[in-house]
Amino acid sequence: MTKCPRCQSSHIRKNGHRRGKQNHICADCGRQFVENPKTNRGYSDDIRKICLKMYLNGMGFRGIERVTDIHHTTVIKWVKQAGENLPDAYHPEVIPEVGELDELQTFVGSKKTRSGFGQQ
C-alpha cells in the first residue's frame, strides 16, 4: 500500500496524473506526491567535467550547447558553482621586484582636415 512520504499515513487518494504517472494526495496532511518518483535526475559528473573543460578551453556557452545538447544556462550555472569553490584571491608571500606593464596608445583630439568622403 502507498504511504505519504511526509506523515506516513495510508489515507491517500488519487489526484490526477503528472508527467504520465499517477499523482496522489494525502487526506491527512495535504501533501501531493507521485508513488515512485524518478530519483536519478540531472547530469553525471563526467558530463559536467567535459562541459567545464570545453569552457576553459575557450568555447562559448552556446557552442557547448550545440555540441553536447545541454542548455547553455545549465552550463553557466555549473561554471558559477565551480567558481564559488575557487579561492577569492592569491596573496603572494613575497612581492616581486620586477613588474611588467603593457602600453596602450590612444588618439585624443580632433582631425585637422575637413575634406574626405562626401565632403568638398
PDB file of N, CA and C in Angstrom:
ATOM      1  N   MET A   1       0.840  -1.183   0.000  1.00  0.00           N
ATOM      2  CA  MET A   1       0.000   0.000   0.000  1.00  0.00           C
ATOM      3  C   MET A   1       0.884   1.245   0.000  1.00  0.00           C
ATOM      4  N   THR A   2       0.463   2.249  -0.686  1.00  0.00           N
ATOM      5  CA  THR A   2       1.205   3.502  -0.770  1.00  0.00           C
ATOM      6  C   THR A   2       1.005   4.311   0.506  1.00  0.00           C
ATOM      7  N   LYS A   3       2.108   4.923   0.959  1.00  0.00           N
ATOM      8  CA  LYS A   3       2.040   5.775   2.149  1.00  0.00           C
ATOM      9  C   LYS A   3       2.558   7.164   1.810  1.00  0.00           C
ATOM     10  N   CYS A   4       2.097   8.137   2.565  1.00  0.00           N
ATOM     11  CA  CYS A   4       2.524   9.522   2.383  1.00  0.00           C
ATOM     12  C   CYS A   4       3.991   9.651   2.799  1.00  0.00           C
ATOM     13  N   PRO A   5       4.834  10.296   1.983  1.00  0.00           N
ATOM     14  CA  PRO A   5       6.241  10.451   2.364  1.00  0.00           C
ATOM     15  C   PRO A   5       6.443  11.415   3.530  1.00  0.00           C
ATOM     16  N   ARG A   6       5.494  12.302   3.806  1.00  0.00           N
ATOM     17  CA  ARG A   6       5.643  13.267   4.891  1.00  0.00           C
ATOM     18  C   ARG A   6       5.167  12.695   6.232  1.00  0.00           C
ATOM     19  N   CYS A   7       3.918  12.198   6.286  1.00  0.00           N
ATOM     20  CA  CYS A   7       3.350  11.780   7.579  1.00  0.00           C
ATOM     21  C   CYS A   7       3.181  10.270   7.702  1.00  0.00           C
ATOM     22  N   GLN A   8       3.543   9.518   6.672  1.00  0.00           N
ATOM     23  CA  GLN A   8       3.455   8.058   6.643  1.00  0.00           C
ATOM     24  C   GLN A   8       2.020   7.545   6.793  1.00  0.00           C
ATOM     25  N   SER A   9       1.044   8.369   6.475  1.00  0.00           N
ATOM     26  CA  SER A   9      -0.348   7.965   6.548  1.00  0.00           C
ATOM     27  C   SER A   9      -0.709   7.120   5.332  1.00  0.00           C
ATOM     28  N   SER A  10      -1.601   6.168   5.504  1.00  0.00           N
ATOM     29  CA  SER A  10      -2.058   5.358   4.373  1.00  0.00           C
ATOM     30  C   SER A  10      -3.422   5.846   3.859  1.00  0.00           C
ATOM     31  N   HIS A  11      -3.888   6.975   4.365  1.00  0.00           N
ATOM     32  CA  HIS A  11      -5.155   7.560   3.952  1.00  0.00           C
ATOM     33  C   HIS A  11      -4.887   8.544   2.809  1.00  0.00           C
ATOM     34  N   ILE A  12      -4.747   7.987   1.584  1.00  0.00           N
ATOM     35  CA  ILE A  12      -4.408   8.813   0.413  1.00  0.00           C
ATOM     36  C   ILE A  12      -5.453   8.606  -0.668  1.00  0.00           C
ATOM     37  N   ARG A  13      -5.523   9.553  -1.606  1.00  0.00           N
ATOM     38  CA  ARG A  13      -6.440   9.498  -2.733  1.00  0.00           C
ATOM     39  C   ARG A  13      -5.674   9.772  -4.012  1.00  0.00           C
ATOM     40  N   LYS A  14      -6.216   9.303  -5.122  1.00  0.00           N
ATOM     41  CA  LYS A  14      -5.638   9.622  -6.426  1.00  0.00           C
ATOM     42  C   LYS A  14      -5.933  11.085  -6.739  1.00  0.00           C
ATOM     43  N   ASN A  15      -4.964  11.741  -7.405  1.00  0.00           N
ATOM     44  CA  ASN A  15      -5.112  13.171  -7.665  1.00  0.00           C
ATOM     45  C   ASN A  15      -4.583  13.529  -9.056  1.00  0.00           C
ATOM     46  N   GLY A  16      -5.078  12.849 -10.071  1.00  0.00           N
ATOM     47  CA  GLY A  16      -4.681  13.167 -11.431  1.00  0.00           C
ATOM     48  C   GLY A  16      -3.375  12.508 -11.824  1.00  0.00           C
ATOM     49  N   HIS A  17      -2.802  13.009 -12.936  1.00  0.00           N
ATOM     50  CA  HIS A  17      -1.546  12.462 -13.453  1.00  0.00           C
ATOM     51  C   HIS A  17      -0.531  13.583 -13.615  1.00  0.00           C
ATOM     52  N   ARG A  18       0.726  13.274 -13.363  1.00  0.00           N
ATOM     53  CA  ARG A  18       1.834  14.205 -13.578  1.00  0.00           C
ATOM     54  C   ARG A  18       2.890  13.502 -14.406  1.00  0.00           C
ATOM     55  N   ARG A  19       3.153  14.041 -15.587  1.00  0.00           N
ATOM     56  CA  ARG A  19       4.174  13.502 -16.477  1.00  0.00           C
ATOM     57  C   ARG A  19       4.004  12.010 -16.714  1.00  0.00           C
ATOM     58  N   GLY A  20       2.767  11.613 -16.900  1.00  0.00           N
ATOM     59  CA  GLY A  20       2.477  10.226 -17.218  1.00  0.00           C
ATOM     60  C   GLY A  20       2.397   9.298 -16.023  1.00  0.00           C
ATOM     61  N   LYS A  21       2.545   9.804 -14.810  1.00  0.00           N
ATOM     62  CA  LYS A  21       2.464   8.964 -13.612  1.00  0.00           C
ATOM     63  C   LYS A  21       1.273   9.390 -12.755  1.00  0.00           C
ATOM     64  N   GLN A  22       0.763   8.440 -11.995  1.00  0.00           N
ATOM     65  CA  GLN A  22      -0.361   8.708 -11.118  1.00  0.00           C
ATOM     66  C   GLN A  22       0.075   9.601  -9.965  1.00  0.00           C
ATOM     67  N   ASN A  23      -0.637  10.704  -9.763  1.00  0.00           N
ATOM     68  CA  ASN A  23      -0.363  11.617  -8.662  1.00  0.00           C
ATOM     69  C   ASN A  23      -1.319  11.303  -7.515  1.00  0.00           C
ATOM     70  N   HIS A  24      -0.815  11.392  -6.291  1.00  0.00           N
ATOM     71  CA  HIS A  24      -1.625  11.104  -5.106  1.00  0.00           C
ATOM     72  C   HIS A  24      -1.635  12.328  -4.194  1.00  0.00           C
ATOM     73  N   ILE A  25      -2.655  12.391  -3.318  1.00  0.00           N
ATOM     74  CA  ILE A  25      -2.708  13.431  -2.305  1.00  0.00           C
ATOM     75  C   ILE A  25      -3.056  12.776  -0.972  1.00  0.00           C
ATOM     76  N   CYS A  26      -2.383  13.220   0.074  1.00  0.00           N
ATOM     77  CA  CYS A  26      -2.639  12.691   1.409  1.00  0.00           C
ATOM     78  C   CYS A  26      -3.858  13.400   1.988  1.00  0.00           C
ATOM     79  N   ALA A  27      -4.808  12.631   2.499  1.00  0.00           N
ATOM     80  CA  ALA A  27      -6.020  13.211   3.072  1.00  0.00           C
ATOM     81  C   ALA A  27      -5.757  13.814   4.443  1.00  0.00           C
ATOM     82  N   ASP A  28      -4.664  13.405   5.105  1.00  0.00           N
ATOM     83  CA  ASP A  28      -4.358  13.914   6.442  1.00  0.00           C
ATOM     84  C   ASP A  28      -3.567  15.220   6.403  1.00  0.00           C
ATOM     85  N   CYS A  29      -2.452  15.241   5.653  1.00  0.00           N
ATOM     86  CA  CYS A  29      -1.599  16.442   5.672  1.00  0.00           C
ATOM     87  C   CYS A  29      -1.693  17.276   4.397  1.00  0.00           C
ATOM     88  N   GLY A  30      -2.304  16.750   3.329  1.00  0.00           N
ATOM     89  CA  GLY A  30      -2.473  17.517   2.095  1.00  0.00           C
ATOM     90  C   GLY A  30      -1.284  17.460   1.157  1.00  0.00           C
ATOM     91  N   ARG A  31      -0.284  16.658   1.447  1.00  0.00           N
ATOM     92  CA  ARG A  31       0.911  16.557   0.603  1.00  0.00           C
ATOM     93  C   ARG A  31       0.575  15.834  -0.696  1.00  0.00           C
ATOM     94  N   GLN A  32       1.034  16.397  -1.837  1.00  0.00           N
ATOM     95  CA  GLN A  32       0.872  15.748  -3.129  1.00  0.00           C
ATOM     96  C   GLN A  32       2.168  15.043  -3.466  1.00  0.00           C
ATOM     97  N   PHE A  33       2.070  13.849  -4.060  1.00  0.00           N
ATOM     98  CA  PHE A  33       3.279  13.097  -4.385  1.00  0.00           C
ATOM     99  C   PHE A  33       2.979  12.083  -5.470  1.00  0.00           C
ATOM    100  N   VAL A  34       4.045  11.589  -6.089  1.00  0.00           N
ATOM    101  CA  VAL A  34       3.978  10.526  -7.074  1.00  0.00           C
ATOM    102  C   VAL A  34       4.506   9.273  -6.378  1.00  0.00           C
ATOM    103  N   GLU A  35       3.902   8.132  -6.661  1.00  0.00           N
ATOM    104  CA  GLU A  35       4.229   6.910  -5.922  1.00  0.00           C
ATOM    105  C   GLU A  35       5.686   6.504  -6.072  1.00  0.00           C
ATOM    106  N   ASN A  36       6.182   6.395  -7.265  1.00  0.00           N
ATOM    107  CA  ASN A  36       7.580   6.006  -7.494  1.00  0.00           C
ATOM    108  C   ASN A  36       8.300   7.121  -8.249  1.00  0.00           C
ATOM    109  N   PRO A  37       8.806   8.124  -7.545  1.00  0.00           N
ATOM    110  CA  PRO A  37       9.446   9.238  -8.255  1.00  0.00           C
ATOM    111  C   PRO A  37      10.777   8.812  -8.864  1.00  0.00           C
ATOM    112  N   LYS A  38      11.133   9.492  -9.924  1.00  0.00           N
ATOM    113  CA  LYS A  38      12.403   9.238 -10.596  1.00  0.00           C
ATOM    114  C   LYS A  38      13.507   9.843  -9.739  1.00  0.00           C
ATOM    115  N   THR A  39      14.387   9.016  -9.206  1.00  0.00           N
ATOM    116  CA  THR A  39      15.401   9.506  -8.272  1.00  0.00           C
ATOM    117  C   THR A  39      16.684   9.942  -8.967  1.00  0.00           C
ATOM    118  N   ASN A  40      17.024   9.346 -10.094  1.00  0.00           N
ATOM    119  CA  ASN A  40      18.272   9.674 -10.778  1.00  0.00           C
ATOM    120  C   ASN A  40      18.021  10.825 -11.739  1.00  0.00           C
ATOM    121  N   ARG A  41      18.161  12.040 -11.246  1.00  0.00           N
ATOM    122  CA  ARG A  41      17.921  13.222 -12.063  1.00  0.00           C
ATOM    123  C   ARG A  41      19.224  13.967 -12.272  1.00  0.00           C
ATOM    124  N   GLY A  42      19.314  14.700 -13.359  1.00  0.00           N
ATOM    125  CA  GLY A  42      20.476  15.533 -13.608  1.00  0.00           C
ATOM    126  C   GLY A  42      21.510  14.836 -14.473  1.00  0.00           C
ATOM    127  N   TYR A  43      22.650  15.509 -14.644  1.00  0.00           N
ATOM    128  CA  TYR A  43      23.724  15.012 -15.486  1.00  0.00           C
ATOM    129  C   TYR A  43      24.822  14.416 -14.618  1.00  0.00           C
ATOM    130  N   SER A  44      25.580  13.504 -15.200  1.00  0.00           N
ATOM    131  CA  SER A  44      26.665  12.866 -14.456  1.00  0.00           C
ATOM    132  C   SER A  44      27.828  13.842 -14.277  1.00  0.00           C
ATOM    133  N   ASP A  45      28.697  13.515 -13.330  1.00  0.00           N
ATOM    134  CA  ASP A  45      29.860  14.364 -13.074  1.00  0.00           C
ATOM    135  C   ASP A  45      30.816  14.383 -14.263  1.00  0.00           C
ATOM    136  N   ASP A  46      30.878  13.286 -15.016  1.00  0.00           N
ATOM    137  CA  ASP A  46      31.754  13.245 -16.193  1.00  0.00           C
ATOM    138  C   ASP A  46      31.304  14.248 -17.253  1.00  0.00           C
ATOM    139  N   ILE A  47      29.995  14.351 -17.478  1.00  0.00           N
ATOM    140  CA  ILE A  47      29.480  15.306 -18.469  1.00  0.00           C
ATOM    141  C   ILE A  47      29.748  16.733 -17.994  1.00  0.00           C
ATOM    142  N   ARG A  48      29.597  16.983 -16.693  1.00  0.00           N
ATOM    143  CA  ARG A  48      29.888  18.316 -16.163  1.00  0.00           C
ATOM    144  C   ARG A  48      31.354  18.677 -16.378  1.00  0.00           C
ATOM    145  N   LYS A  49      32.241  17.725 -16.103  1.00  0.00           N
ATOM    146  CA  LYS A  49      33.679  17.988 -16.286  1.00  0.00           C
ATOM    147  C   LYS A  49      34.011  18.279 -17.739  1.00  0.00           C
ATOM    148  N   ILE A  50      33.387  17.551 -18.657  1.00  0.00           N
ATOM    149  CA  ILE A  50      33.641  17.783 -20.082  1.00  0.00           C
ATOM    150  C   ILE A  50      33.191  19.187 -20.478  1.00  0.00           C
ATOM    151  N   CYS A  51      31.999  19.594 -20.018  1.00  0.00           N
ATOM    152  CA  CYS A  51      31.489  20.925 -20.355  1.00  0.00           C
ATOM    153  C   CYS A  51      32.374  22.018 -19.749  1.00  0.00           C
ATOM    154  N   LEU A  52      32.821  21.842 -18.515  1.00  0.00           N
ATOM    155  CA  LEU A  52      33.702  22.832 -17.887  1.00  0.00           C
ATOM    156  C   LEU A  52      35.044  22.899 -18.602  1.00  0.00           C
ATOM    157  N   LYS A  53      35.545  21.753 -19.051  1.00  0.00           N
ATOM    158  CA  LYS A  53      36.815  21.735 -19.782  1.00  0.00           C
ATOM    159  C   LYS A  53      36.669  22.456 -21.117  1.00  0.00           C
ATOM    160  N   MET A  54      35.522  22.270 -21.780  1.00  0.00           N
ATOM    161  CA  MET A  54      35.272  22.979 -23.041  1.00  0.00           C
ATOM    162  C   MET A  54      35.246  24.483 -22.803  1.00  0.00           C
ATOM    163  N   TYR A  55      34.616  24.907 -21.702  1.00  0.00           N
ATOM    164  CA  TYR A  55      34.549  26.336 -21.391  1.00  0.00           C
ATOM    165  C   TYR A  55      35.944  26.892 -21.093  1.00  0.00           C
ATOM    166  N   LEU A  56      36.745  26.149 -20.342  1.00  0.00           N
ATOM    167  CA  LEU A  56      38.091  26.620 -20.007  1.00  0.00           C
ATOM    168  C   LEU A  56      38.987  26.690 -21.234  1.00  0.00           C
ATOM    169  N   ASN A  57      38.694  25.887 -22.253  1.00  0.00           N
ATOM    170  CA  ASN A  57      39.488  25.919 -23.485  1.00  0.00           C
ATOM    171  C   ASN A  57      39.000  26.976 -24.465  1.00  0.00           C
ATOM    172  N   GLY A  58      38.067  27.832 -24.017  1.00  0.00           N
ATOM    173  CA  GLY A  58      37.677  28.980 -24.833  1.00  0.00           C
ATOM    174  C   GLY A  58      36.408  28.803 -25.629  1.00  0.00           C
ATOM    175  N   MET A  59      35.706  27.716 -25.453  1.00  0.00           N
ATOM    176  CA  MET A  59      34.469  27.512 -26.198  1.00  0.00           C
ATOM    177  C   MET A  59      33.341  28.292 -25.534  1.00  0.00           C
ATOM    178  N   GLY A  60      32.471  28.881 -26.312  1.00  0.00           N
ATOM    179  CA  GLY A  60      31.362  29.658 -25.779  1.00  0.00           C
ATOM    180  C   GLY A  60      30.252  28.763 -25.245  1.00  0.00           C
ATOM    181  N   PHE A  61      29.361  29.372 -24.458  1.00  0.00           N
ATOM    182  CA  PHE A  61      28.280  28.603 -23.845  1.00  0.00           C
ATOM    183  C   PHE A  61      27.347  28.011 -24.890  1.00  0.00           C
ATOM    184  N   ARG A  62      27.010  28.789 -25.909  1.00  0.00           N
ATOM    185  CA  ARG A  62      26.100  28.275 -26.936  1.00  0.00           C
ATOM    186  C   ARG A  62      26.787  27.247 -27.826  1.00  0.00           C
ATOM    187  N   GLY A  63      28.096  27.360 -27.987  1.00  0.00           N
ATOM    188  CA  GLY A  63      28.845  26.334 -28.711  1.00  0.00           C
ATOM    189  C   GLY A  63      28.840  25.013 -27.958  1.00  0.00           C
ATOM    190  N   ILE A  64      28.994  25.090 -26.648  1.00  0.00           N
ATOM    191  CA  ILE A  64      28.918  23.884 -25.821  1.00  0.00           C
ATOM    192  C   ILE A  64      27.525  23.275 -25.917  1.00  0.00           C
ATOM    193  N   GLU A  65      26.509  24.139 -25.963  1.00  0.00           N
ATOM    194  CA  GLU A  65      25.133  23.651 -26.091  1.00  0.00           C
ATOM    195  C   GLU A  65      24.940  22.911 -27.409  1.00  0.00           C
ATOM    196  N   ARG A  66      25.494  23.441 -28.507  1.00  0.00           N
ATOM    197  CA  ARG A  66      25.343  22.784 -29.804  1.00  0.00           C
ATOM    198  C   ARG A  66      26.039  21.424 -29.836  1.00  0.00           C
ATOM    199  N   VAL A  67      27.182  21.308 -29.168  1.00  0.00           N
ATOM    200  CA  VAL A  67      27.938  20.059 -29.202  1.00  0.00           C
ATOM    201  C   VAL A  67      27.328  19.001 -28.277  1.00  0.00           C
ATOM    202  N   THR A  68      26.940  19.403 -27.066  1.00  0.00           N
ATOM    203  CA  THR A  68      26.532  18.429 -26.052  1.00  0.00           C
ATOM    204  C   THR A  68      25.025  18.313 -25.865  1.00  0.00           C
ATOM    205  N   ASP A  69      24.234  19.199 -26.483  1.00  0.00           N
ATOM    206  CA  ASP A  69      22.779  19.237 -26.300  1.00  0.00           C
ATOM    207  C   ASP A  69      22.384  19.492 -24.848  1.00  0.00           C
ATOM    208  N   ILE A  70      23.220  20.220 -24.114  1.00  0.00           N
ATOM    209  CA  ILE A  70      22.904  20.649 -22.751  1.00  0.00           C
ATOM    210  C   ILE A  70      22.678  22.144 -22.808  1.00  0.00           C
ATOM    211  N   HIS A  71      21.586  22.624 -22.237  1.00  0.00           N
ATOM    212  CA  HIS A  71      21.207  24.027 -22.348  1.00  0.00           C
ATOM    213  C   HIS A  71      22.314  24.929 -21.794  1.00  0.00           C
ATOM    214  N   HIS A  72      22.521  26.077 -22.445  1.00  0.00           N
ATOM    215  CA  HIS A  72      23.630  26.955 -22.070  1.00  0.00           C
ATOM    216  C   HIS A  72      23.473  27.534 -20.669  1.00  0.00           C
ATOM    217  N   THR A  73      22.236  27.748 -20.203  1.00  0.00           N
ATOM    218  CA  THR A  73      22.081  28.267 -18.840  1.00  0.00           C
ATOM    219  C   THR A  73      22.473  27.227 -17.795  1.00  0.00           C
ATOM    220  N   THR A  74      22.328  25.948 -18.131  1.00  0.00           N
ATOM    221  CA  THR A  74      22.799  24.890 -17.231  1.00  0.00           C
ATOM    222  C   THR A  74      24.317  24.927 -17.126  1.00  0.00           C
ATOM    223  N   VAL A  75      24.990  25.115 -18.257  1.00  0.00           N
ATOM    224  CA  VAL A  75      26.453  25.187 -18.249  1.00  0.00           C
ATOM    225  C   VAL A  75      26.913  26.429 -17.488  1.00  0.00           C
ATOM    226  N   ILE A  76      26.207  27.552 -17.646  1.00  0.00           N
ATOM    227  CA  ILE A  76      26.550  28.774 -16.912  1.00  0.00           C
ATOM    228  C   ILE A  76      26.429  28.528 -15.412  1.00  0.00           C
ATOM    229  N   LYS A  77      25.377  27.820 -14.993  1.00  0.00           N
ATOM    230  CA  LYS A  77      25.190  27.505 -13.581  1.00  0.00           C
ATOM    231  C   LYS A  77      26.346  26.649 -13.060  1.00  0.00           C
ATOM    232  N   TRP A  78      26.804  25.679 -13.867  1.00  0.00           N
ATOM    233  CA  TRP A  78      27.930  24.828 -13.461  1.00  0.00           C
ATOM    234  C   TRP A  78      29.212  25.636 -13.325  1.00  0.00           C
ATOM    235  N   VAL A  79      29.426  26.599 -14.238  1.00  0.00           N
ATOM    236  CA  VAL A  79      30.627  27.436 -14.164  1.00  0.00           C
ATOM    237  C   VAL A  79      30.593  28.293 -12.901  1.00  0.00           C
ATOM    238  N   LYS A  80      29.423  28.847 -12.573  1.00  0.00           N
ATOM    239  CA  LYS A  80      29.295  29.652 -11.357  1.00  0.00           C
ATOM    240  C   LYS A  80      29.558  28.808 -10.113  1.00  0.00           C
ATOM    241  N   GLN A  81      29.040  27.577 -10.083  1.00  0.00           N
ATOM    242  CA  GLN A  81      29.270  26.696  -8.947  1.00  0.00           C
ATOM    243  C   GLN A  81      30.747  26.356  -8.807  1.00  0.00           C
ATOM    244  N   ALA A  82      31.422  26.125  -9.926  1.00  0.00           N
ATOM    245  CA  ALA A  82      32.855  25.820  -9.878  1.00  0.00           C
ATOM    246  C   ALA A  82      33.645  27.045  -9.432  1.00  0.00           C
ATOM    247  N   GLY A  83      33.201  28.245  -9.829  1.00  0.00           N
ATOM    248  CA  GLY A  83      33.883  29.470  -9.432  1.00  0.00           C
ATOM    249  C   GLY A  83      33.750  29.755  -7.945  1.00  0.00           C
ATOM    250  N   GLU A  84      32.632  29.337  -7.339  1.00  0.00           N
ATOM    251  CA  GLU A  84      32.462  29.542  -5.898  1.00  0.00           C
ATOM    252  C   GLU A  84      33.427  28.702  -5.081  1.00  0.00           C
ATOM    253  N   ASN A  85      33.899  27.591  -5.652  1.00  0.00           N
ATOM    254  CA  ASN A  85      34.833  26.720  -4.938  1.00  0.00           C
ATOM    255  C   ASN A  85      36.276  27.218  -5.009  1.00  0.00           C
ATOM    256  N   LEU A  86      36.534  28.183  -5.887  1.00  0.00           N
ATOM    257  CA  LEU A  86      37.893  28.724  -6.020  1.00  0.00           C
ATOM    258  C   LEU A  86      38.188  29.706  -4.893  1.00  0.00           C
ATOM    259  N   PRO A  87      39.465  29.866  -4.523  1.00  0.00           N
ATOM    260  CA  PRO A  87      39.787  30.873  -3.506  1.00  0.00           C
ATOM    261  C   PRO A  87      39.537  32.277  -4.042  1.00  0.00           C
ATOM    262  N   ASP A  88      39.295  33.226  -3.132  1.00  0.00           N
ATOM    263  CA  ASP A  88      38.956  34.590  -3.542  1.00  0.00           C
ATOM    264  C   ASP A  88      40.104  35.286  -4.266  1.00  0.00           C
ATOM    265  N   ALA A  89      41.299  35.266  -3.694  1.00  0.00           N
ATOM    266  CA  ALA A  89      42.420  35.970  -4.308  1.00  0.00           C
ATOM    267  C   ALA A  89      43.714  35.282  -3.915  1.00  0.00           C
ATOM    268  N   TYR A  90      44.725  35.504  -4.733  1.00  0.00           N
ATOM    269  CA  TYR A  90      46.049  34.959  -4.474  1.00  0.00           C
ATOM    270  C   TYR A  90      46.856  36.001  -3.714  1.00  0.00           C
ATOM    271  N   HIS A  91      47.374  35.633  -2.580  1.00  0.00           N
ATOM    272  CA  HIS A  91      48.175  36.538  -1.763  1.00  0.00           C
ATOM    273  C   HIS A  91      49.614  36.022  -1.725  1.00  0.00           C
ATOM    274  N   PRO A  92      50.485  36.612  -2.562  1.00  0.00           N
ATOM    275  CA  PRO A  92      51.870  36.135  -2.568  1.00  0.00           C
ATOM    276  C   PRO A  92      52.580  36.538  -1.272  1.00  0.00           C
ATOM    277  N   GLU A  93      53.470  35.649  -0.817  1.00  0.00           N
ATOM    278  CA  GLU A  93      54.221  35.934   0.405  1.00  0.00           C
ATOM    279  C   GLU A  93      55.350  36.916   0.126  1.00  0.00           C
ATOM    280  N   VAL A  94      55.904  36.880  -1.086  1.00  0.00           N
ATOM    281  CA  VAL A  94      56.997  37.773  -1.461  1.00  0.00           C
ATOM    282  C   VAL A  94      56.517  38.654  -2.605  1.00  0.00           C
ATOM    283  N   ILE A  95      56.679  39.966  -2.470  1.00  0.00           N
ATOM    284  CA  ILE A  95      56.293  40.893  -3.524  1.00  0.00           C
ATOM    285  C   ILE A  95      57.391  40.885  -4.586  1.00  0.00           C
ATOM    286  N   PRO A  96      57.064  40.674  -5.859  1.00  0.00           N
ATOM    287  CA  PRO A  96      58.091  40.626  -6.903  1.00  0.00           C
ATOM    288  C   PRO A  96      58.763  41.987  -7.090  1.00  0.00           C
ATOM    289  N   GLU A  97      60.058  41.951  -7.476  1.00  0.00           N
ATOM    290  CA  GLU A  97      60.824  43.186  -7.675  1.00  0.00           C
ATOM    291  C   GLU A  97      60.589  43.782  -9.048  1.00  0.00           C
ATOM    292  N   VAL A  98      60.290  42.964 -10.029  1.00  0.00           N
ATOM    293  CA  VAL A  98      60.111  43.438 -11.397  1.00  0.00           C
ATOM    294  C   VAL A  98      58.662  43.215 -11.801  1.00  0.00           C
ATOM    295  N   GLY A  99      58.064  44.235 -12.374  1.00  0.00           N
ATOM    296  CA  GLY A  99      56.700  44.124 -12.866  1.00  0.00           C
ATOM    297  C   GLY A  99      56.666  44.366 -14.360  1.00  0.00           C
ATOM    298  N   GLU A 100      55.634  43.932 -15.014  1.00  0.00           N
ATOM    299  CA  GLU A 100      55.506  44.105 -16.451  1.00  0.00           C
ATOM    300  C   GLU A 100      54.251  44.908 -16.726  1.00  0.00           C
ATOM    301  N   LEU A 101      54.367  45.882 -17.627  1.00  0.00           N
ATOM    302  CA  LEU A 101      53.252  46.748 -17.951  1.00  0.00           C
ATOM    303  C   LEU A 101      53.126  46.845 -19.460  1.00  0.00           C
ATOM    304  N   ASP A 102      51.952  46.623 -19.964  1.00  0.00           N
ATOM    305  CA  ASP A 102      51.703  46.760 -21.396  1.00  0.00           C
ATOM    306  C   ASP A 102      51.336  48.203 -21.695  1.00  0.00           C
ATOM    307  N   GLU A 103      51.783  48.684 -22.865  1.00  0.00           N
ATOM    308  CA  GLU A 103      51.485  50.054 -23.256  1.00  0.00           C
ATOM    309  C   GLU A 103      50.239  50.083 -24.121  1.00  0.00           C
ATOM    310  N   LEU A 104      49.469  51.116 -23.965  1.00  0.00           N
ATOM    311  CA  LEU A 104      48.294  51.329 -24.779  1.00  0.00           C
ATOM    312  C   LEU A 104      48.331  52.769 -25.255  1.00  0.00           C
ATOM    313  N   GLN A 105      48.337  52.960 -26.567  1.00  0.00           N
ATOM    314  CA  GLN A 105      48.410  54.302 -27.123  1.00  0.00           C
ATOM    315  C   GLN A 105      47.066  54.634 -27.741  1.00  0.00           C
ATOM    316  N   THR A 106      46.524  55.782 -27.387  1.00  0.00           N
ATOM    317  CA  THR A 106      45.240  56.207 -27.934  1.00  0.00           C
ATOM    318  C   THR A 106      45.385  57.591 -28.533  1.00  0.00           C
ATOM    319  N   PHE A 107      44.467  57.914 -29.423  1.00  0.00           N
ATOM    320  CA  PHE A 107      44.447  59.227 -30.037  1.00  0.00           C
ATOM    321  C   PHE A 107      43.284  60.002 -29.461  1.00  0.00           C
ATOM    322  N   VAL A 108      43.589  61.142 -28.872  1.00  0.00           N
ATOM    323  CA  VAL A 108      42.552  62.011 -28.336  1.00  0.00           C
ATOM    324  C   VAL A 108      42.760  63.375 -28.975  1.00  0.00           C
ATOM    325  N   GLY A 109      41.739  63.920 -29.582  1.00  0.00           N
ATOM    326  CA  GLY A 109      41.871  65.221 -30.234  1.00  0.00           C
ATOM    327  C   GLY A 109      40.920  65.313 -31.398  1.00  0.00           C
ATOM    328  N   SER A 110      41.130  66.301 -32.287  1.00  0.00           N
ATOM    329  CA  SER A 110      40.250  66.481 -33.434  1.00  0.00           C
ATOM    330  C   SER A 110      41.073  66.393 -34.704  1.00  0.00           C
ATOM    331  N   LYS A 111      40.401  66.022 -35.778  1.00  0.00           N
ATOM    332  CA  LYS A 111      41.065  65.934 -37.068  1.00  0.00           C
ATOM    333  C   LYS A 111      41.331  67.338 -37.591  1.00  0.00           C
ATOM    334  N   LYS A 112      42.440  67.513 -38.310  1.00  0.00           N
ATOM    335  CA  LYS A 112      42.804  68.813 -38.857  1.00  0.00           C
ATOM    336  C   LYS A 112      42.192  69.038 -40.233  1.00  0.00           C
ATOM    337  N   THR A 113      41.909  67.971 -40.955  1.00  0.00           N
ATOM    338  CA  THR A 113      41.372  68.140 -42.314  1.00  0.00           C
ATOM    339  C   THR A 113      39.866  67.982 -42.289  1.00  0.00           C
ATOM    340  N   ARG A 114      39.213  68.763 -43.131  1.00  0.00           N
ATOM    341  CA  ARG A 114      37.755  68.706 -43.240  1.00  0.00           C
ATOM    342  C   ARG A 114      37.318  68.033 -44.529  1.00  0.00           C
ATOM    343  N   SER A 115      38.250  67.670 -45.397  1.00  0.00           N
ATOM    344  CA  SER A 115      37.875  67.036 -46.655  1.00  0.00           C
ATOM    345  C   SER A 115      37.892  65.526 -46.488  1.00  0.00           C
ATOM    346  N   GLY A 116      37.175  64.857 -47.387  1.00  0.00           N
ATOM    347  CA  GLY A 116      37.131  63.409 -47.328  1.00  0.00           C
ATOM    348  C   GLY A 116      35.912  62.897 -48.065  1.00  0.00           C
ATOM    349  N   PHE A 117      35.495  61.732 -47.764  1.00  0.00           N
ATOM    350  CA  PHE A 117      34.368  61.114 -48.455  1.00  0.00           C
ATOM    351  C   PHE A 117      33.084  61.898 -48.199  1.00  0.00           C
ATOM    352  N   GLY A 118      32.438  62.314 -49.275  1.00  0.00           N
ATOM    353  CA  GLY A 118      31.177  63.040 -49.175  1.00  0.00           C
ATOM    354  C   GLY A 118      31.316  64.519 -48.862  1.00  0.00           C
ATOM    355  N   GLN A 119      32.546  65.018 -48.689  1.00  0.00           N
ATOM    356  CA  GLN A 119      32.724  66.438 -48.406  1.00  0.00           C
ATOM    357  C   GLN A 119      33.601  67.053 -49.481  1.00  0.00           C
ATOM    358  N   GLN A 120      33.388  68.369 -49.753  1.00  0.00           N
ATOM    359  CA  GLN A 120      34.210  69.042 -50.760  1.00  0.00           C
ATOM    360  C   GLN A 120      34.868  70.257 -50.205  1.00  0.00           C
TER     361      GLN A 120
END
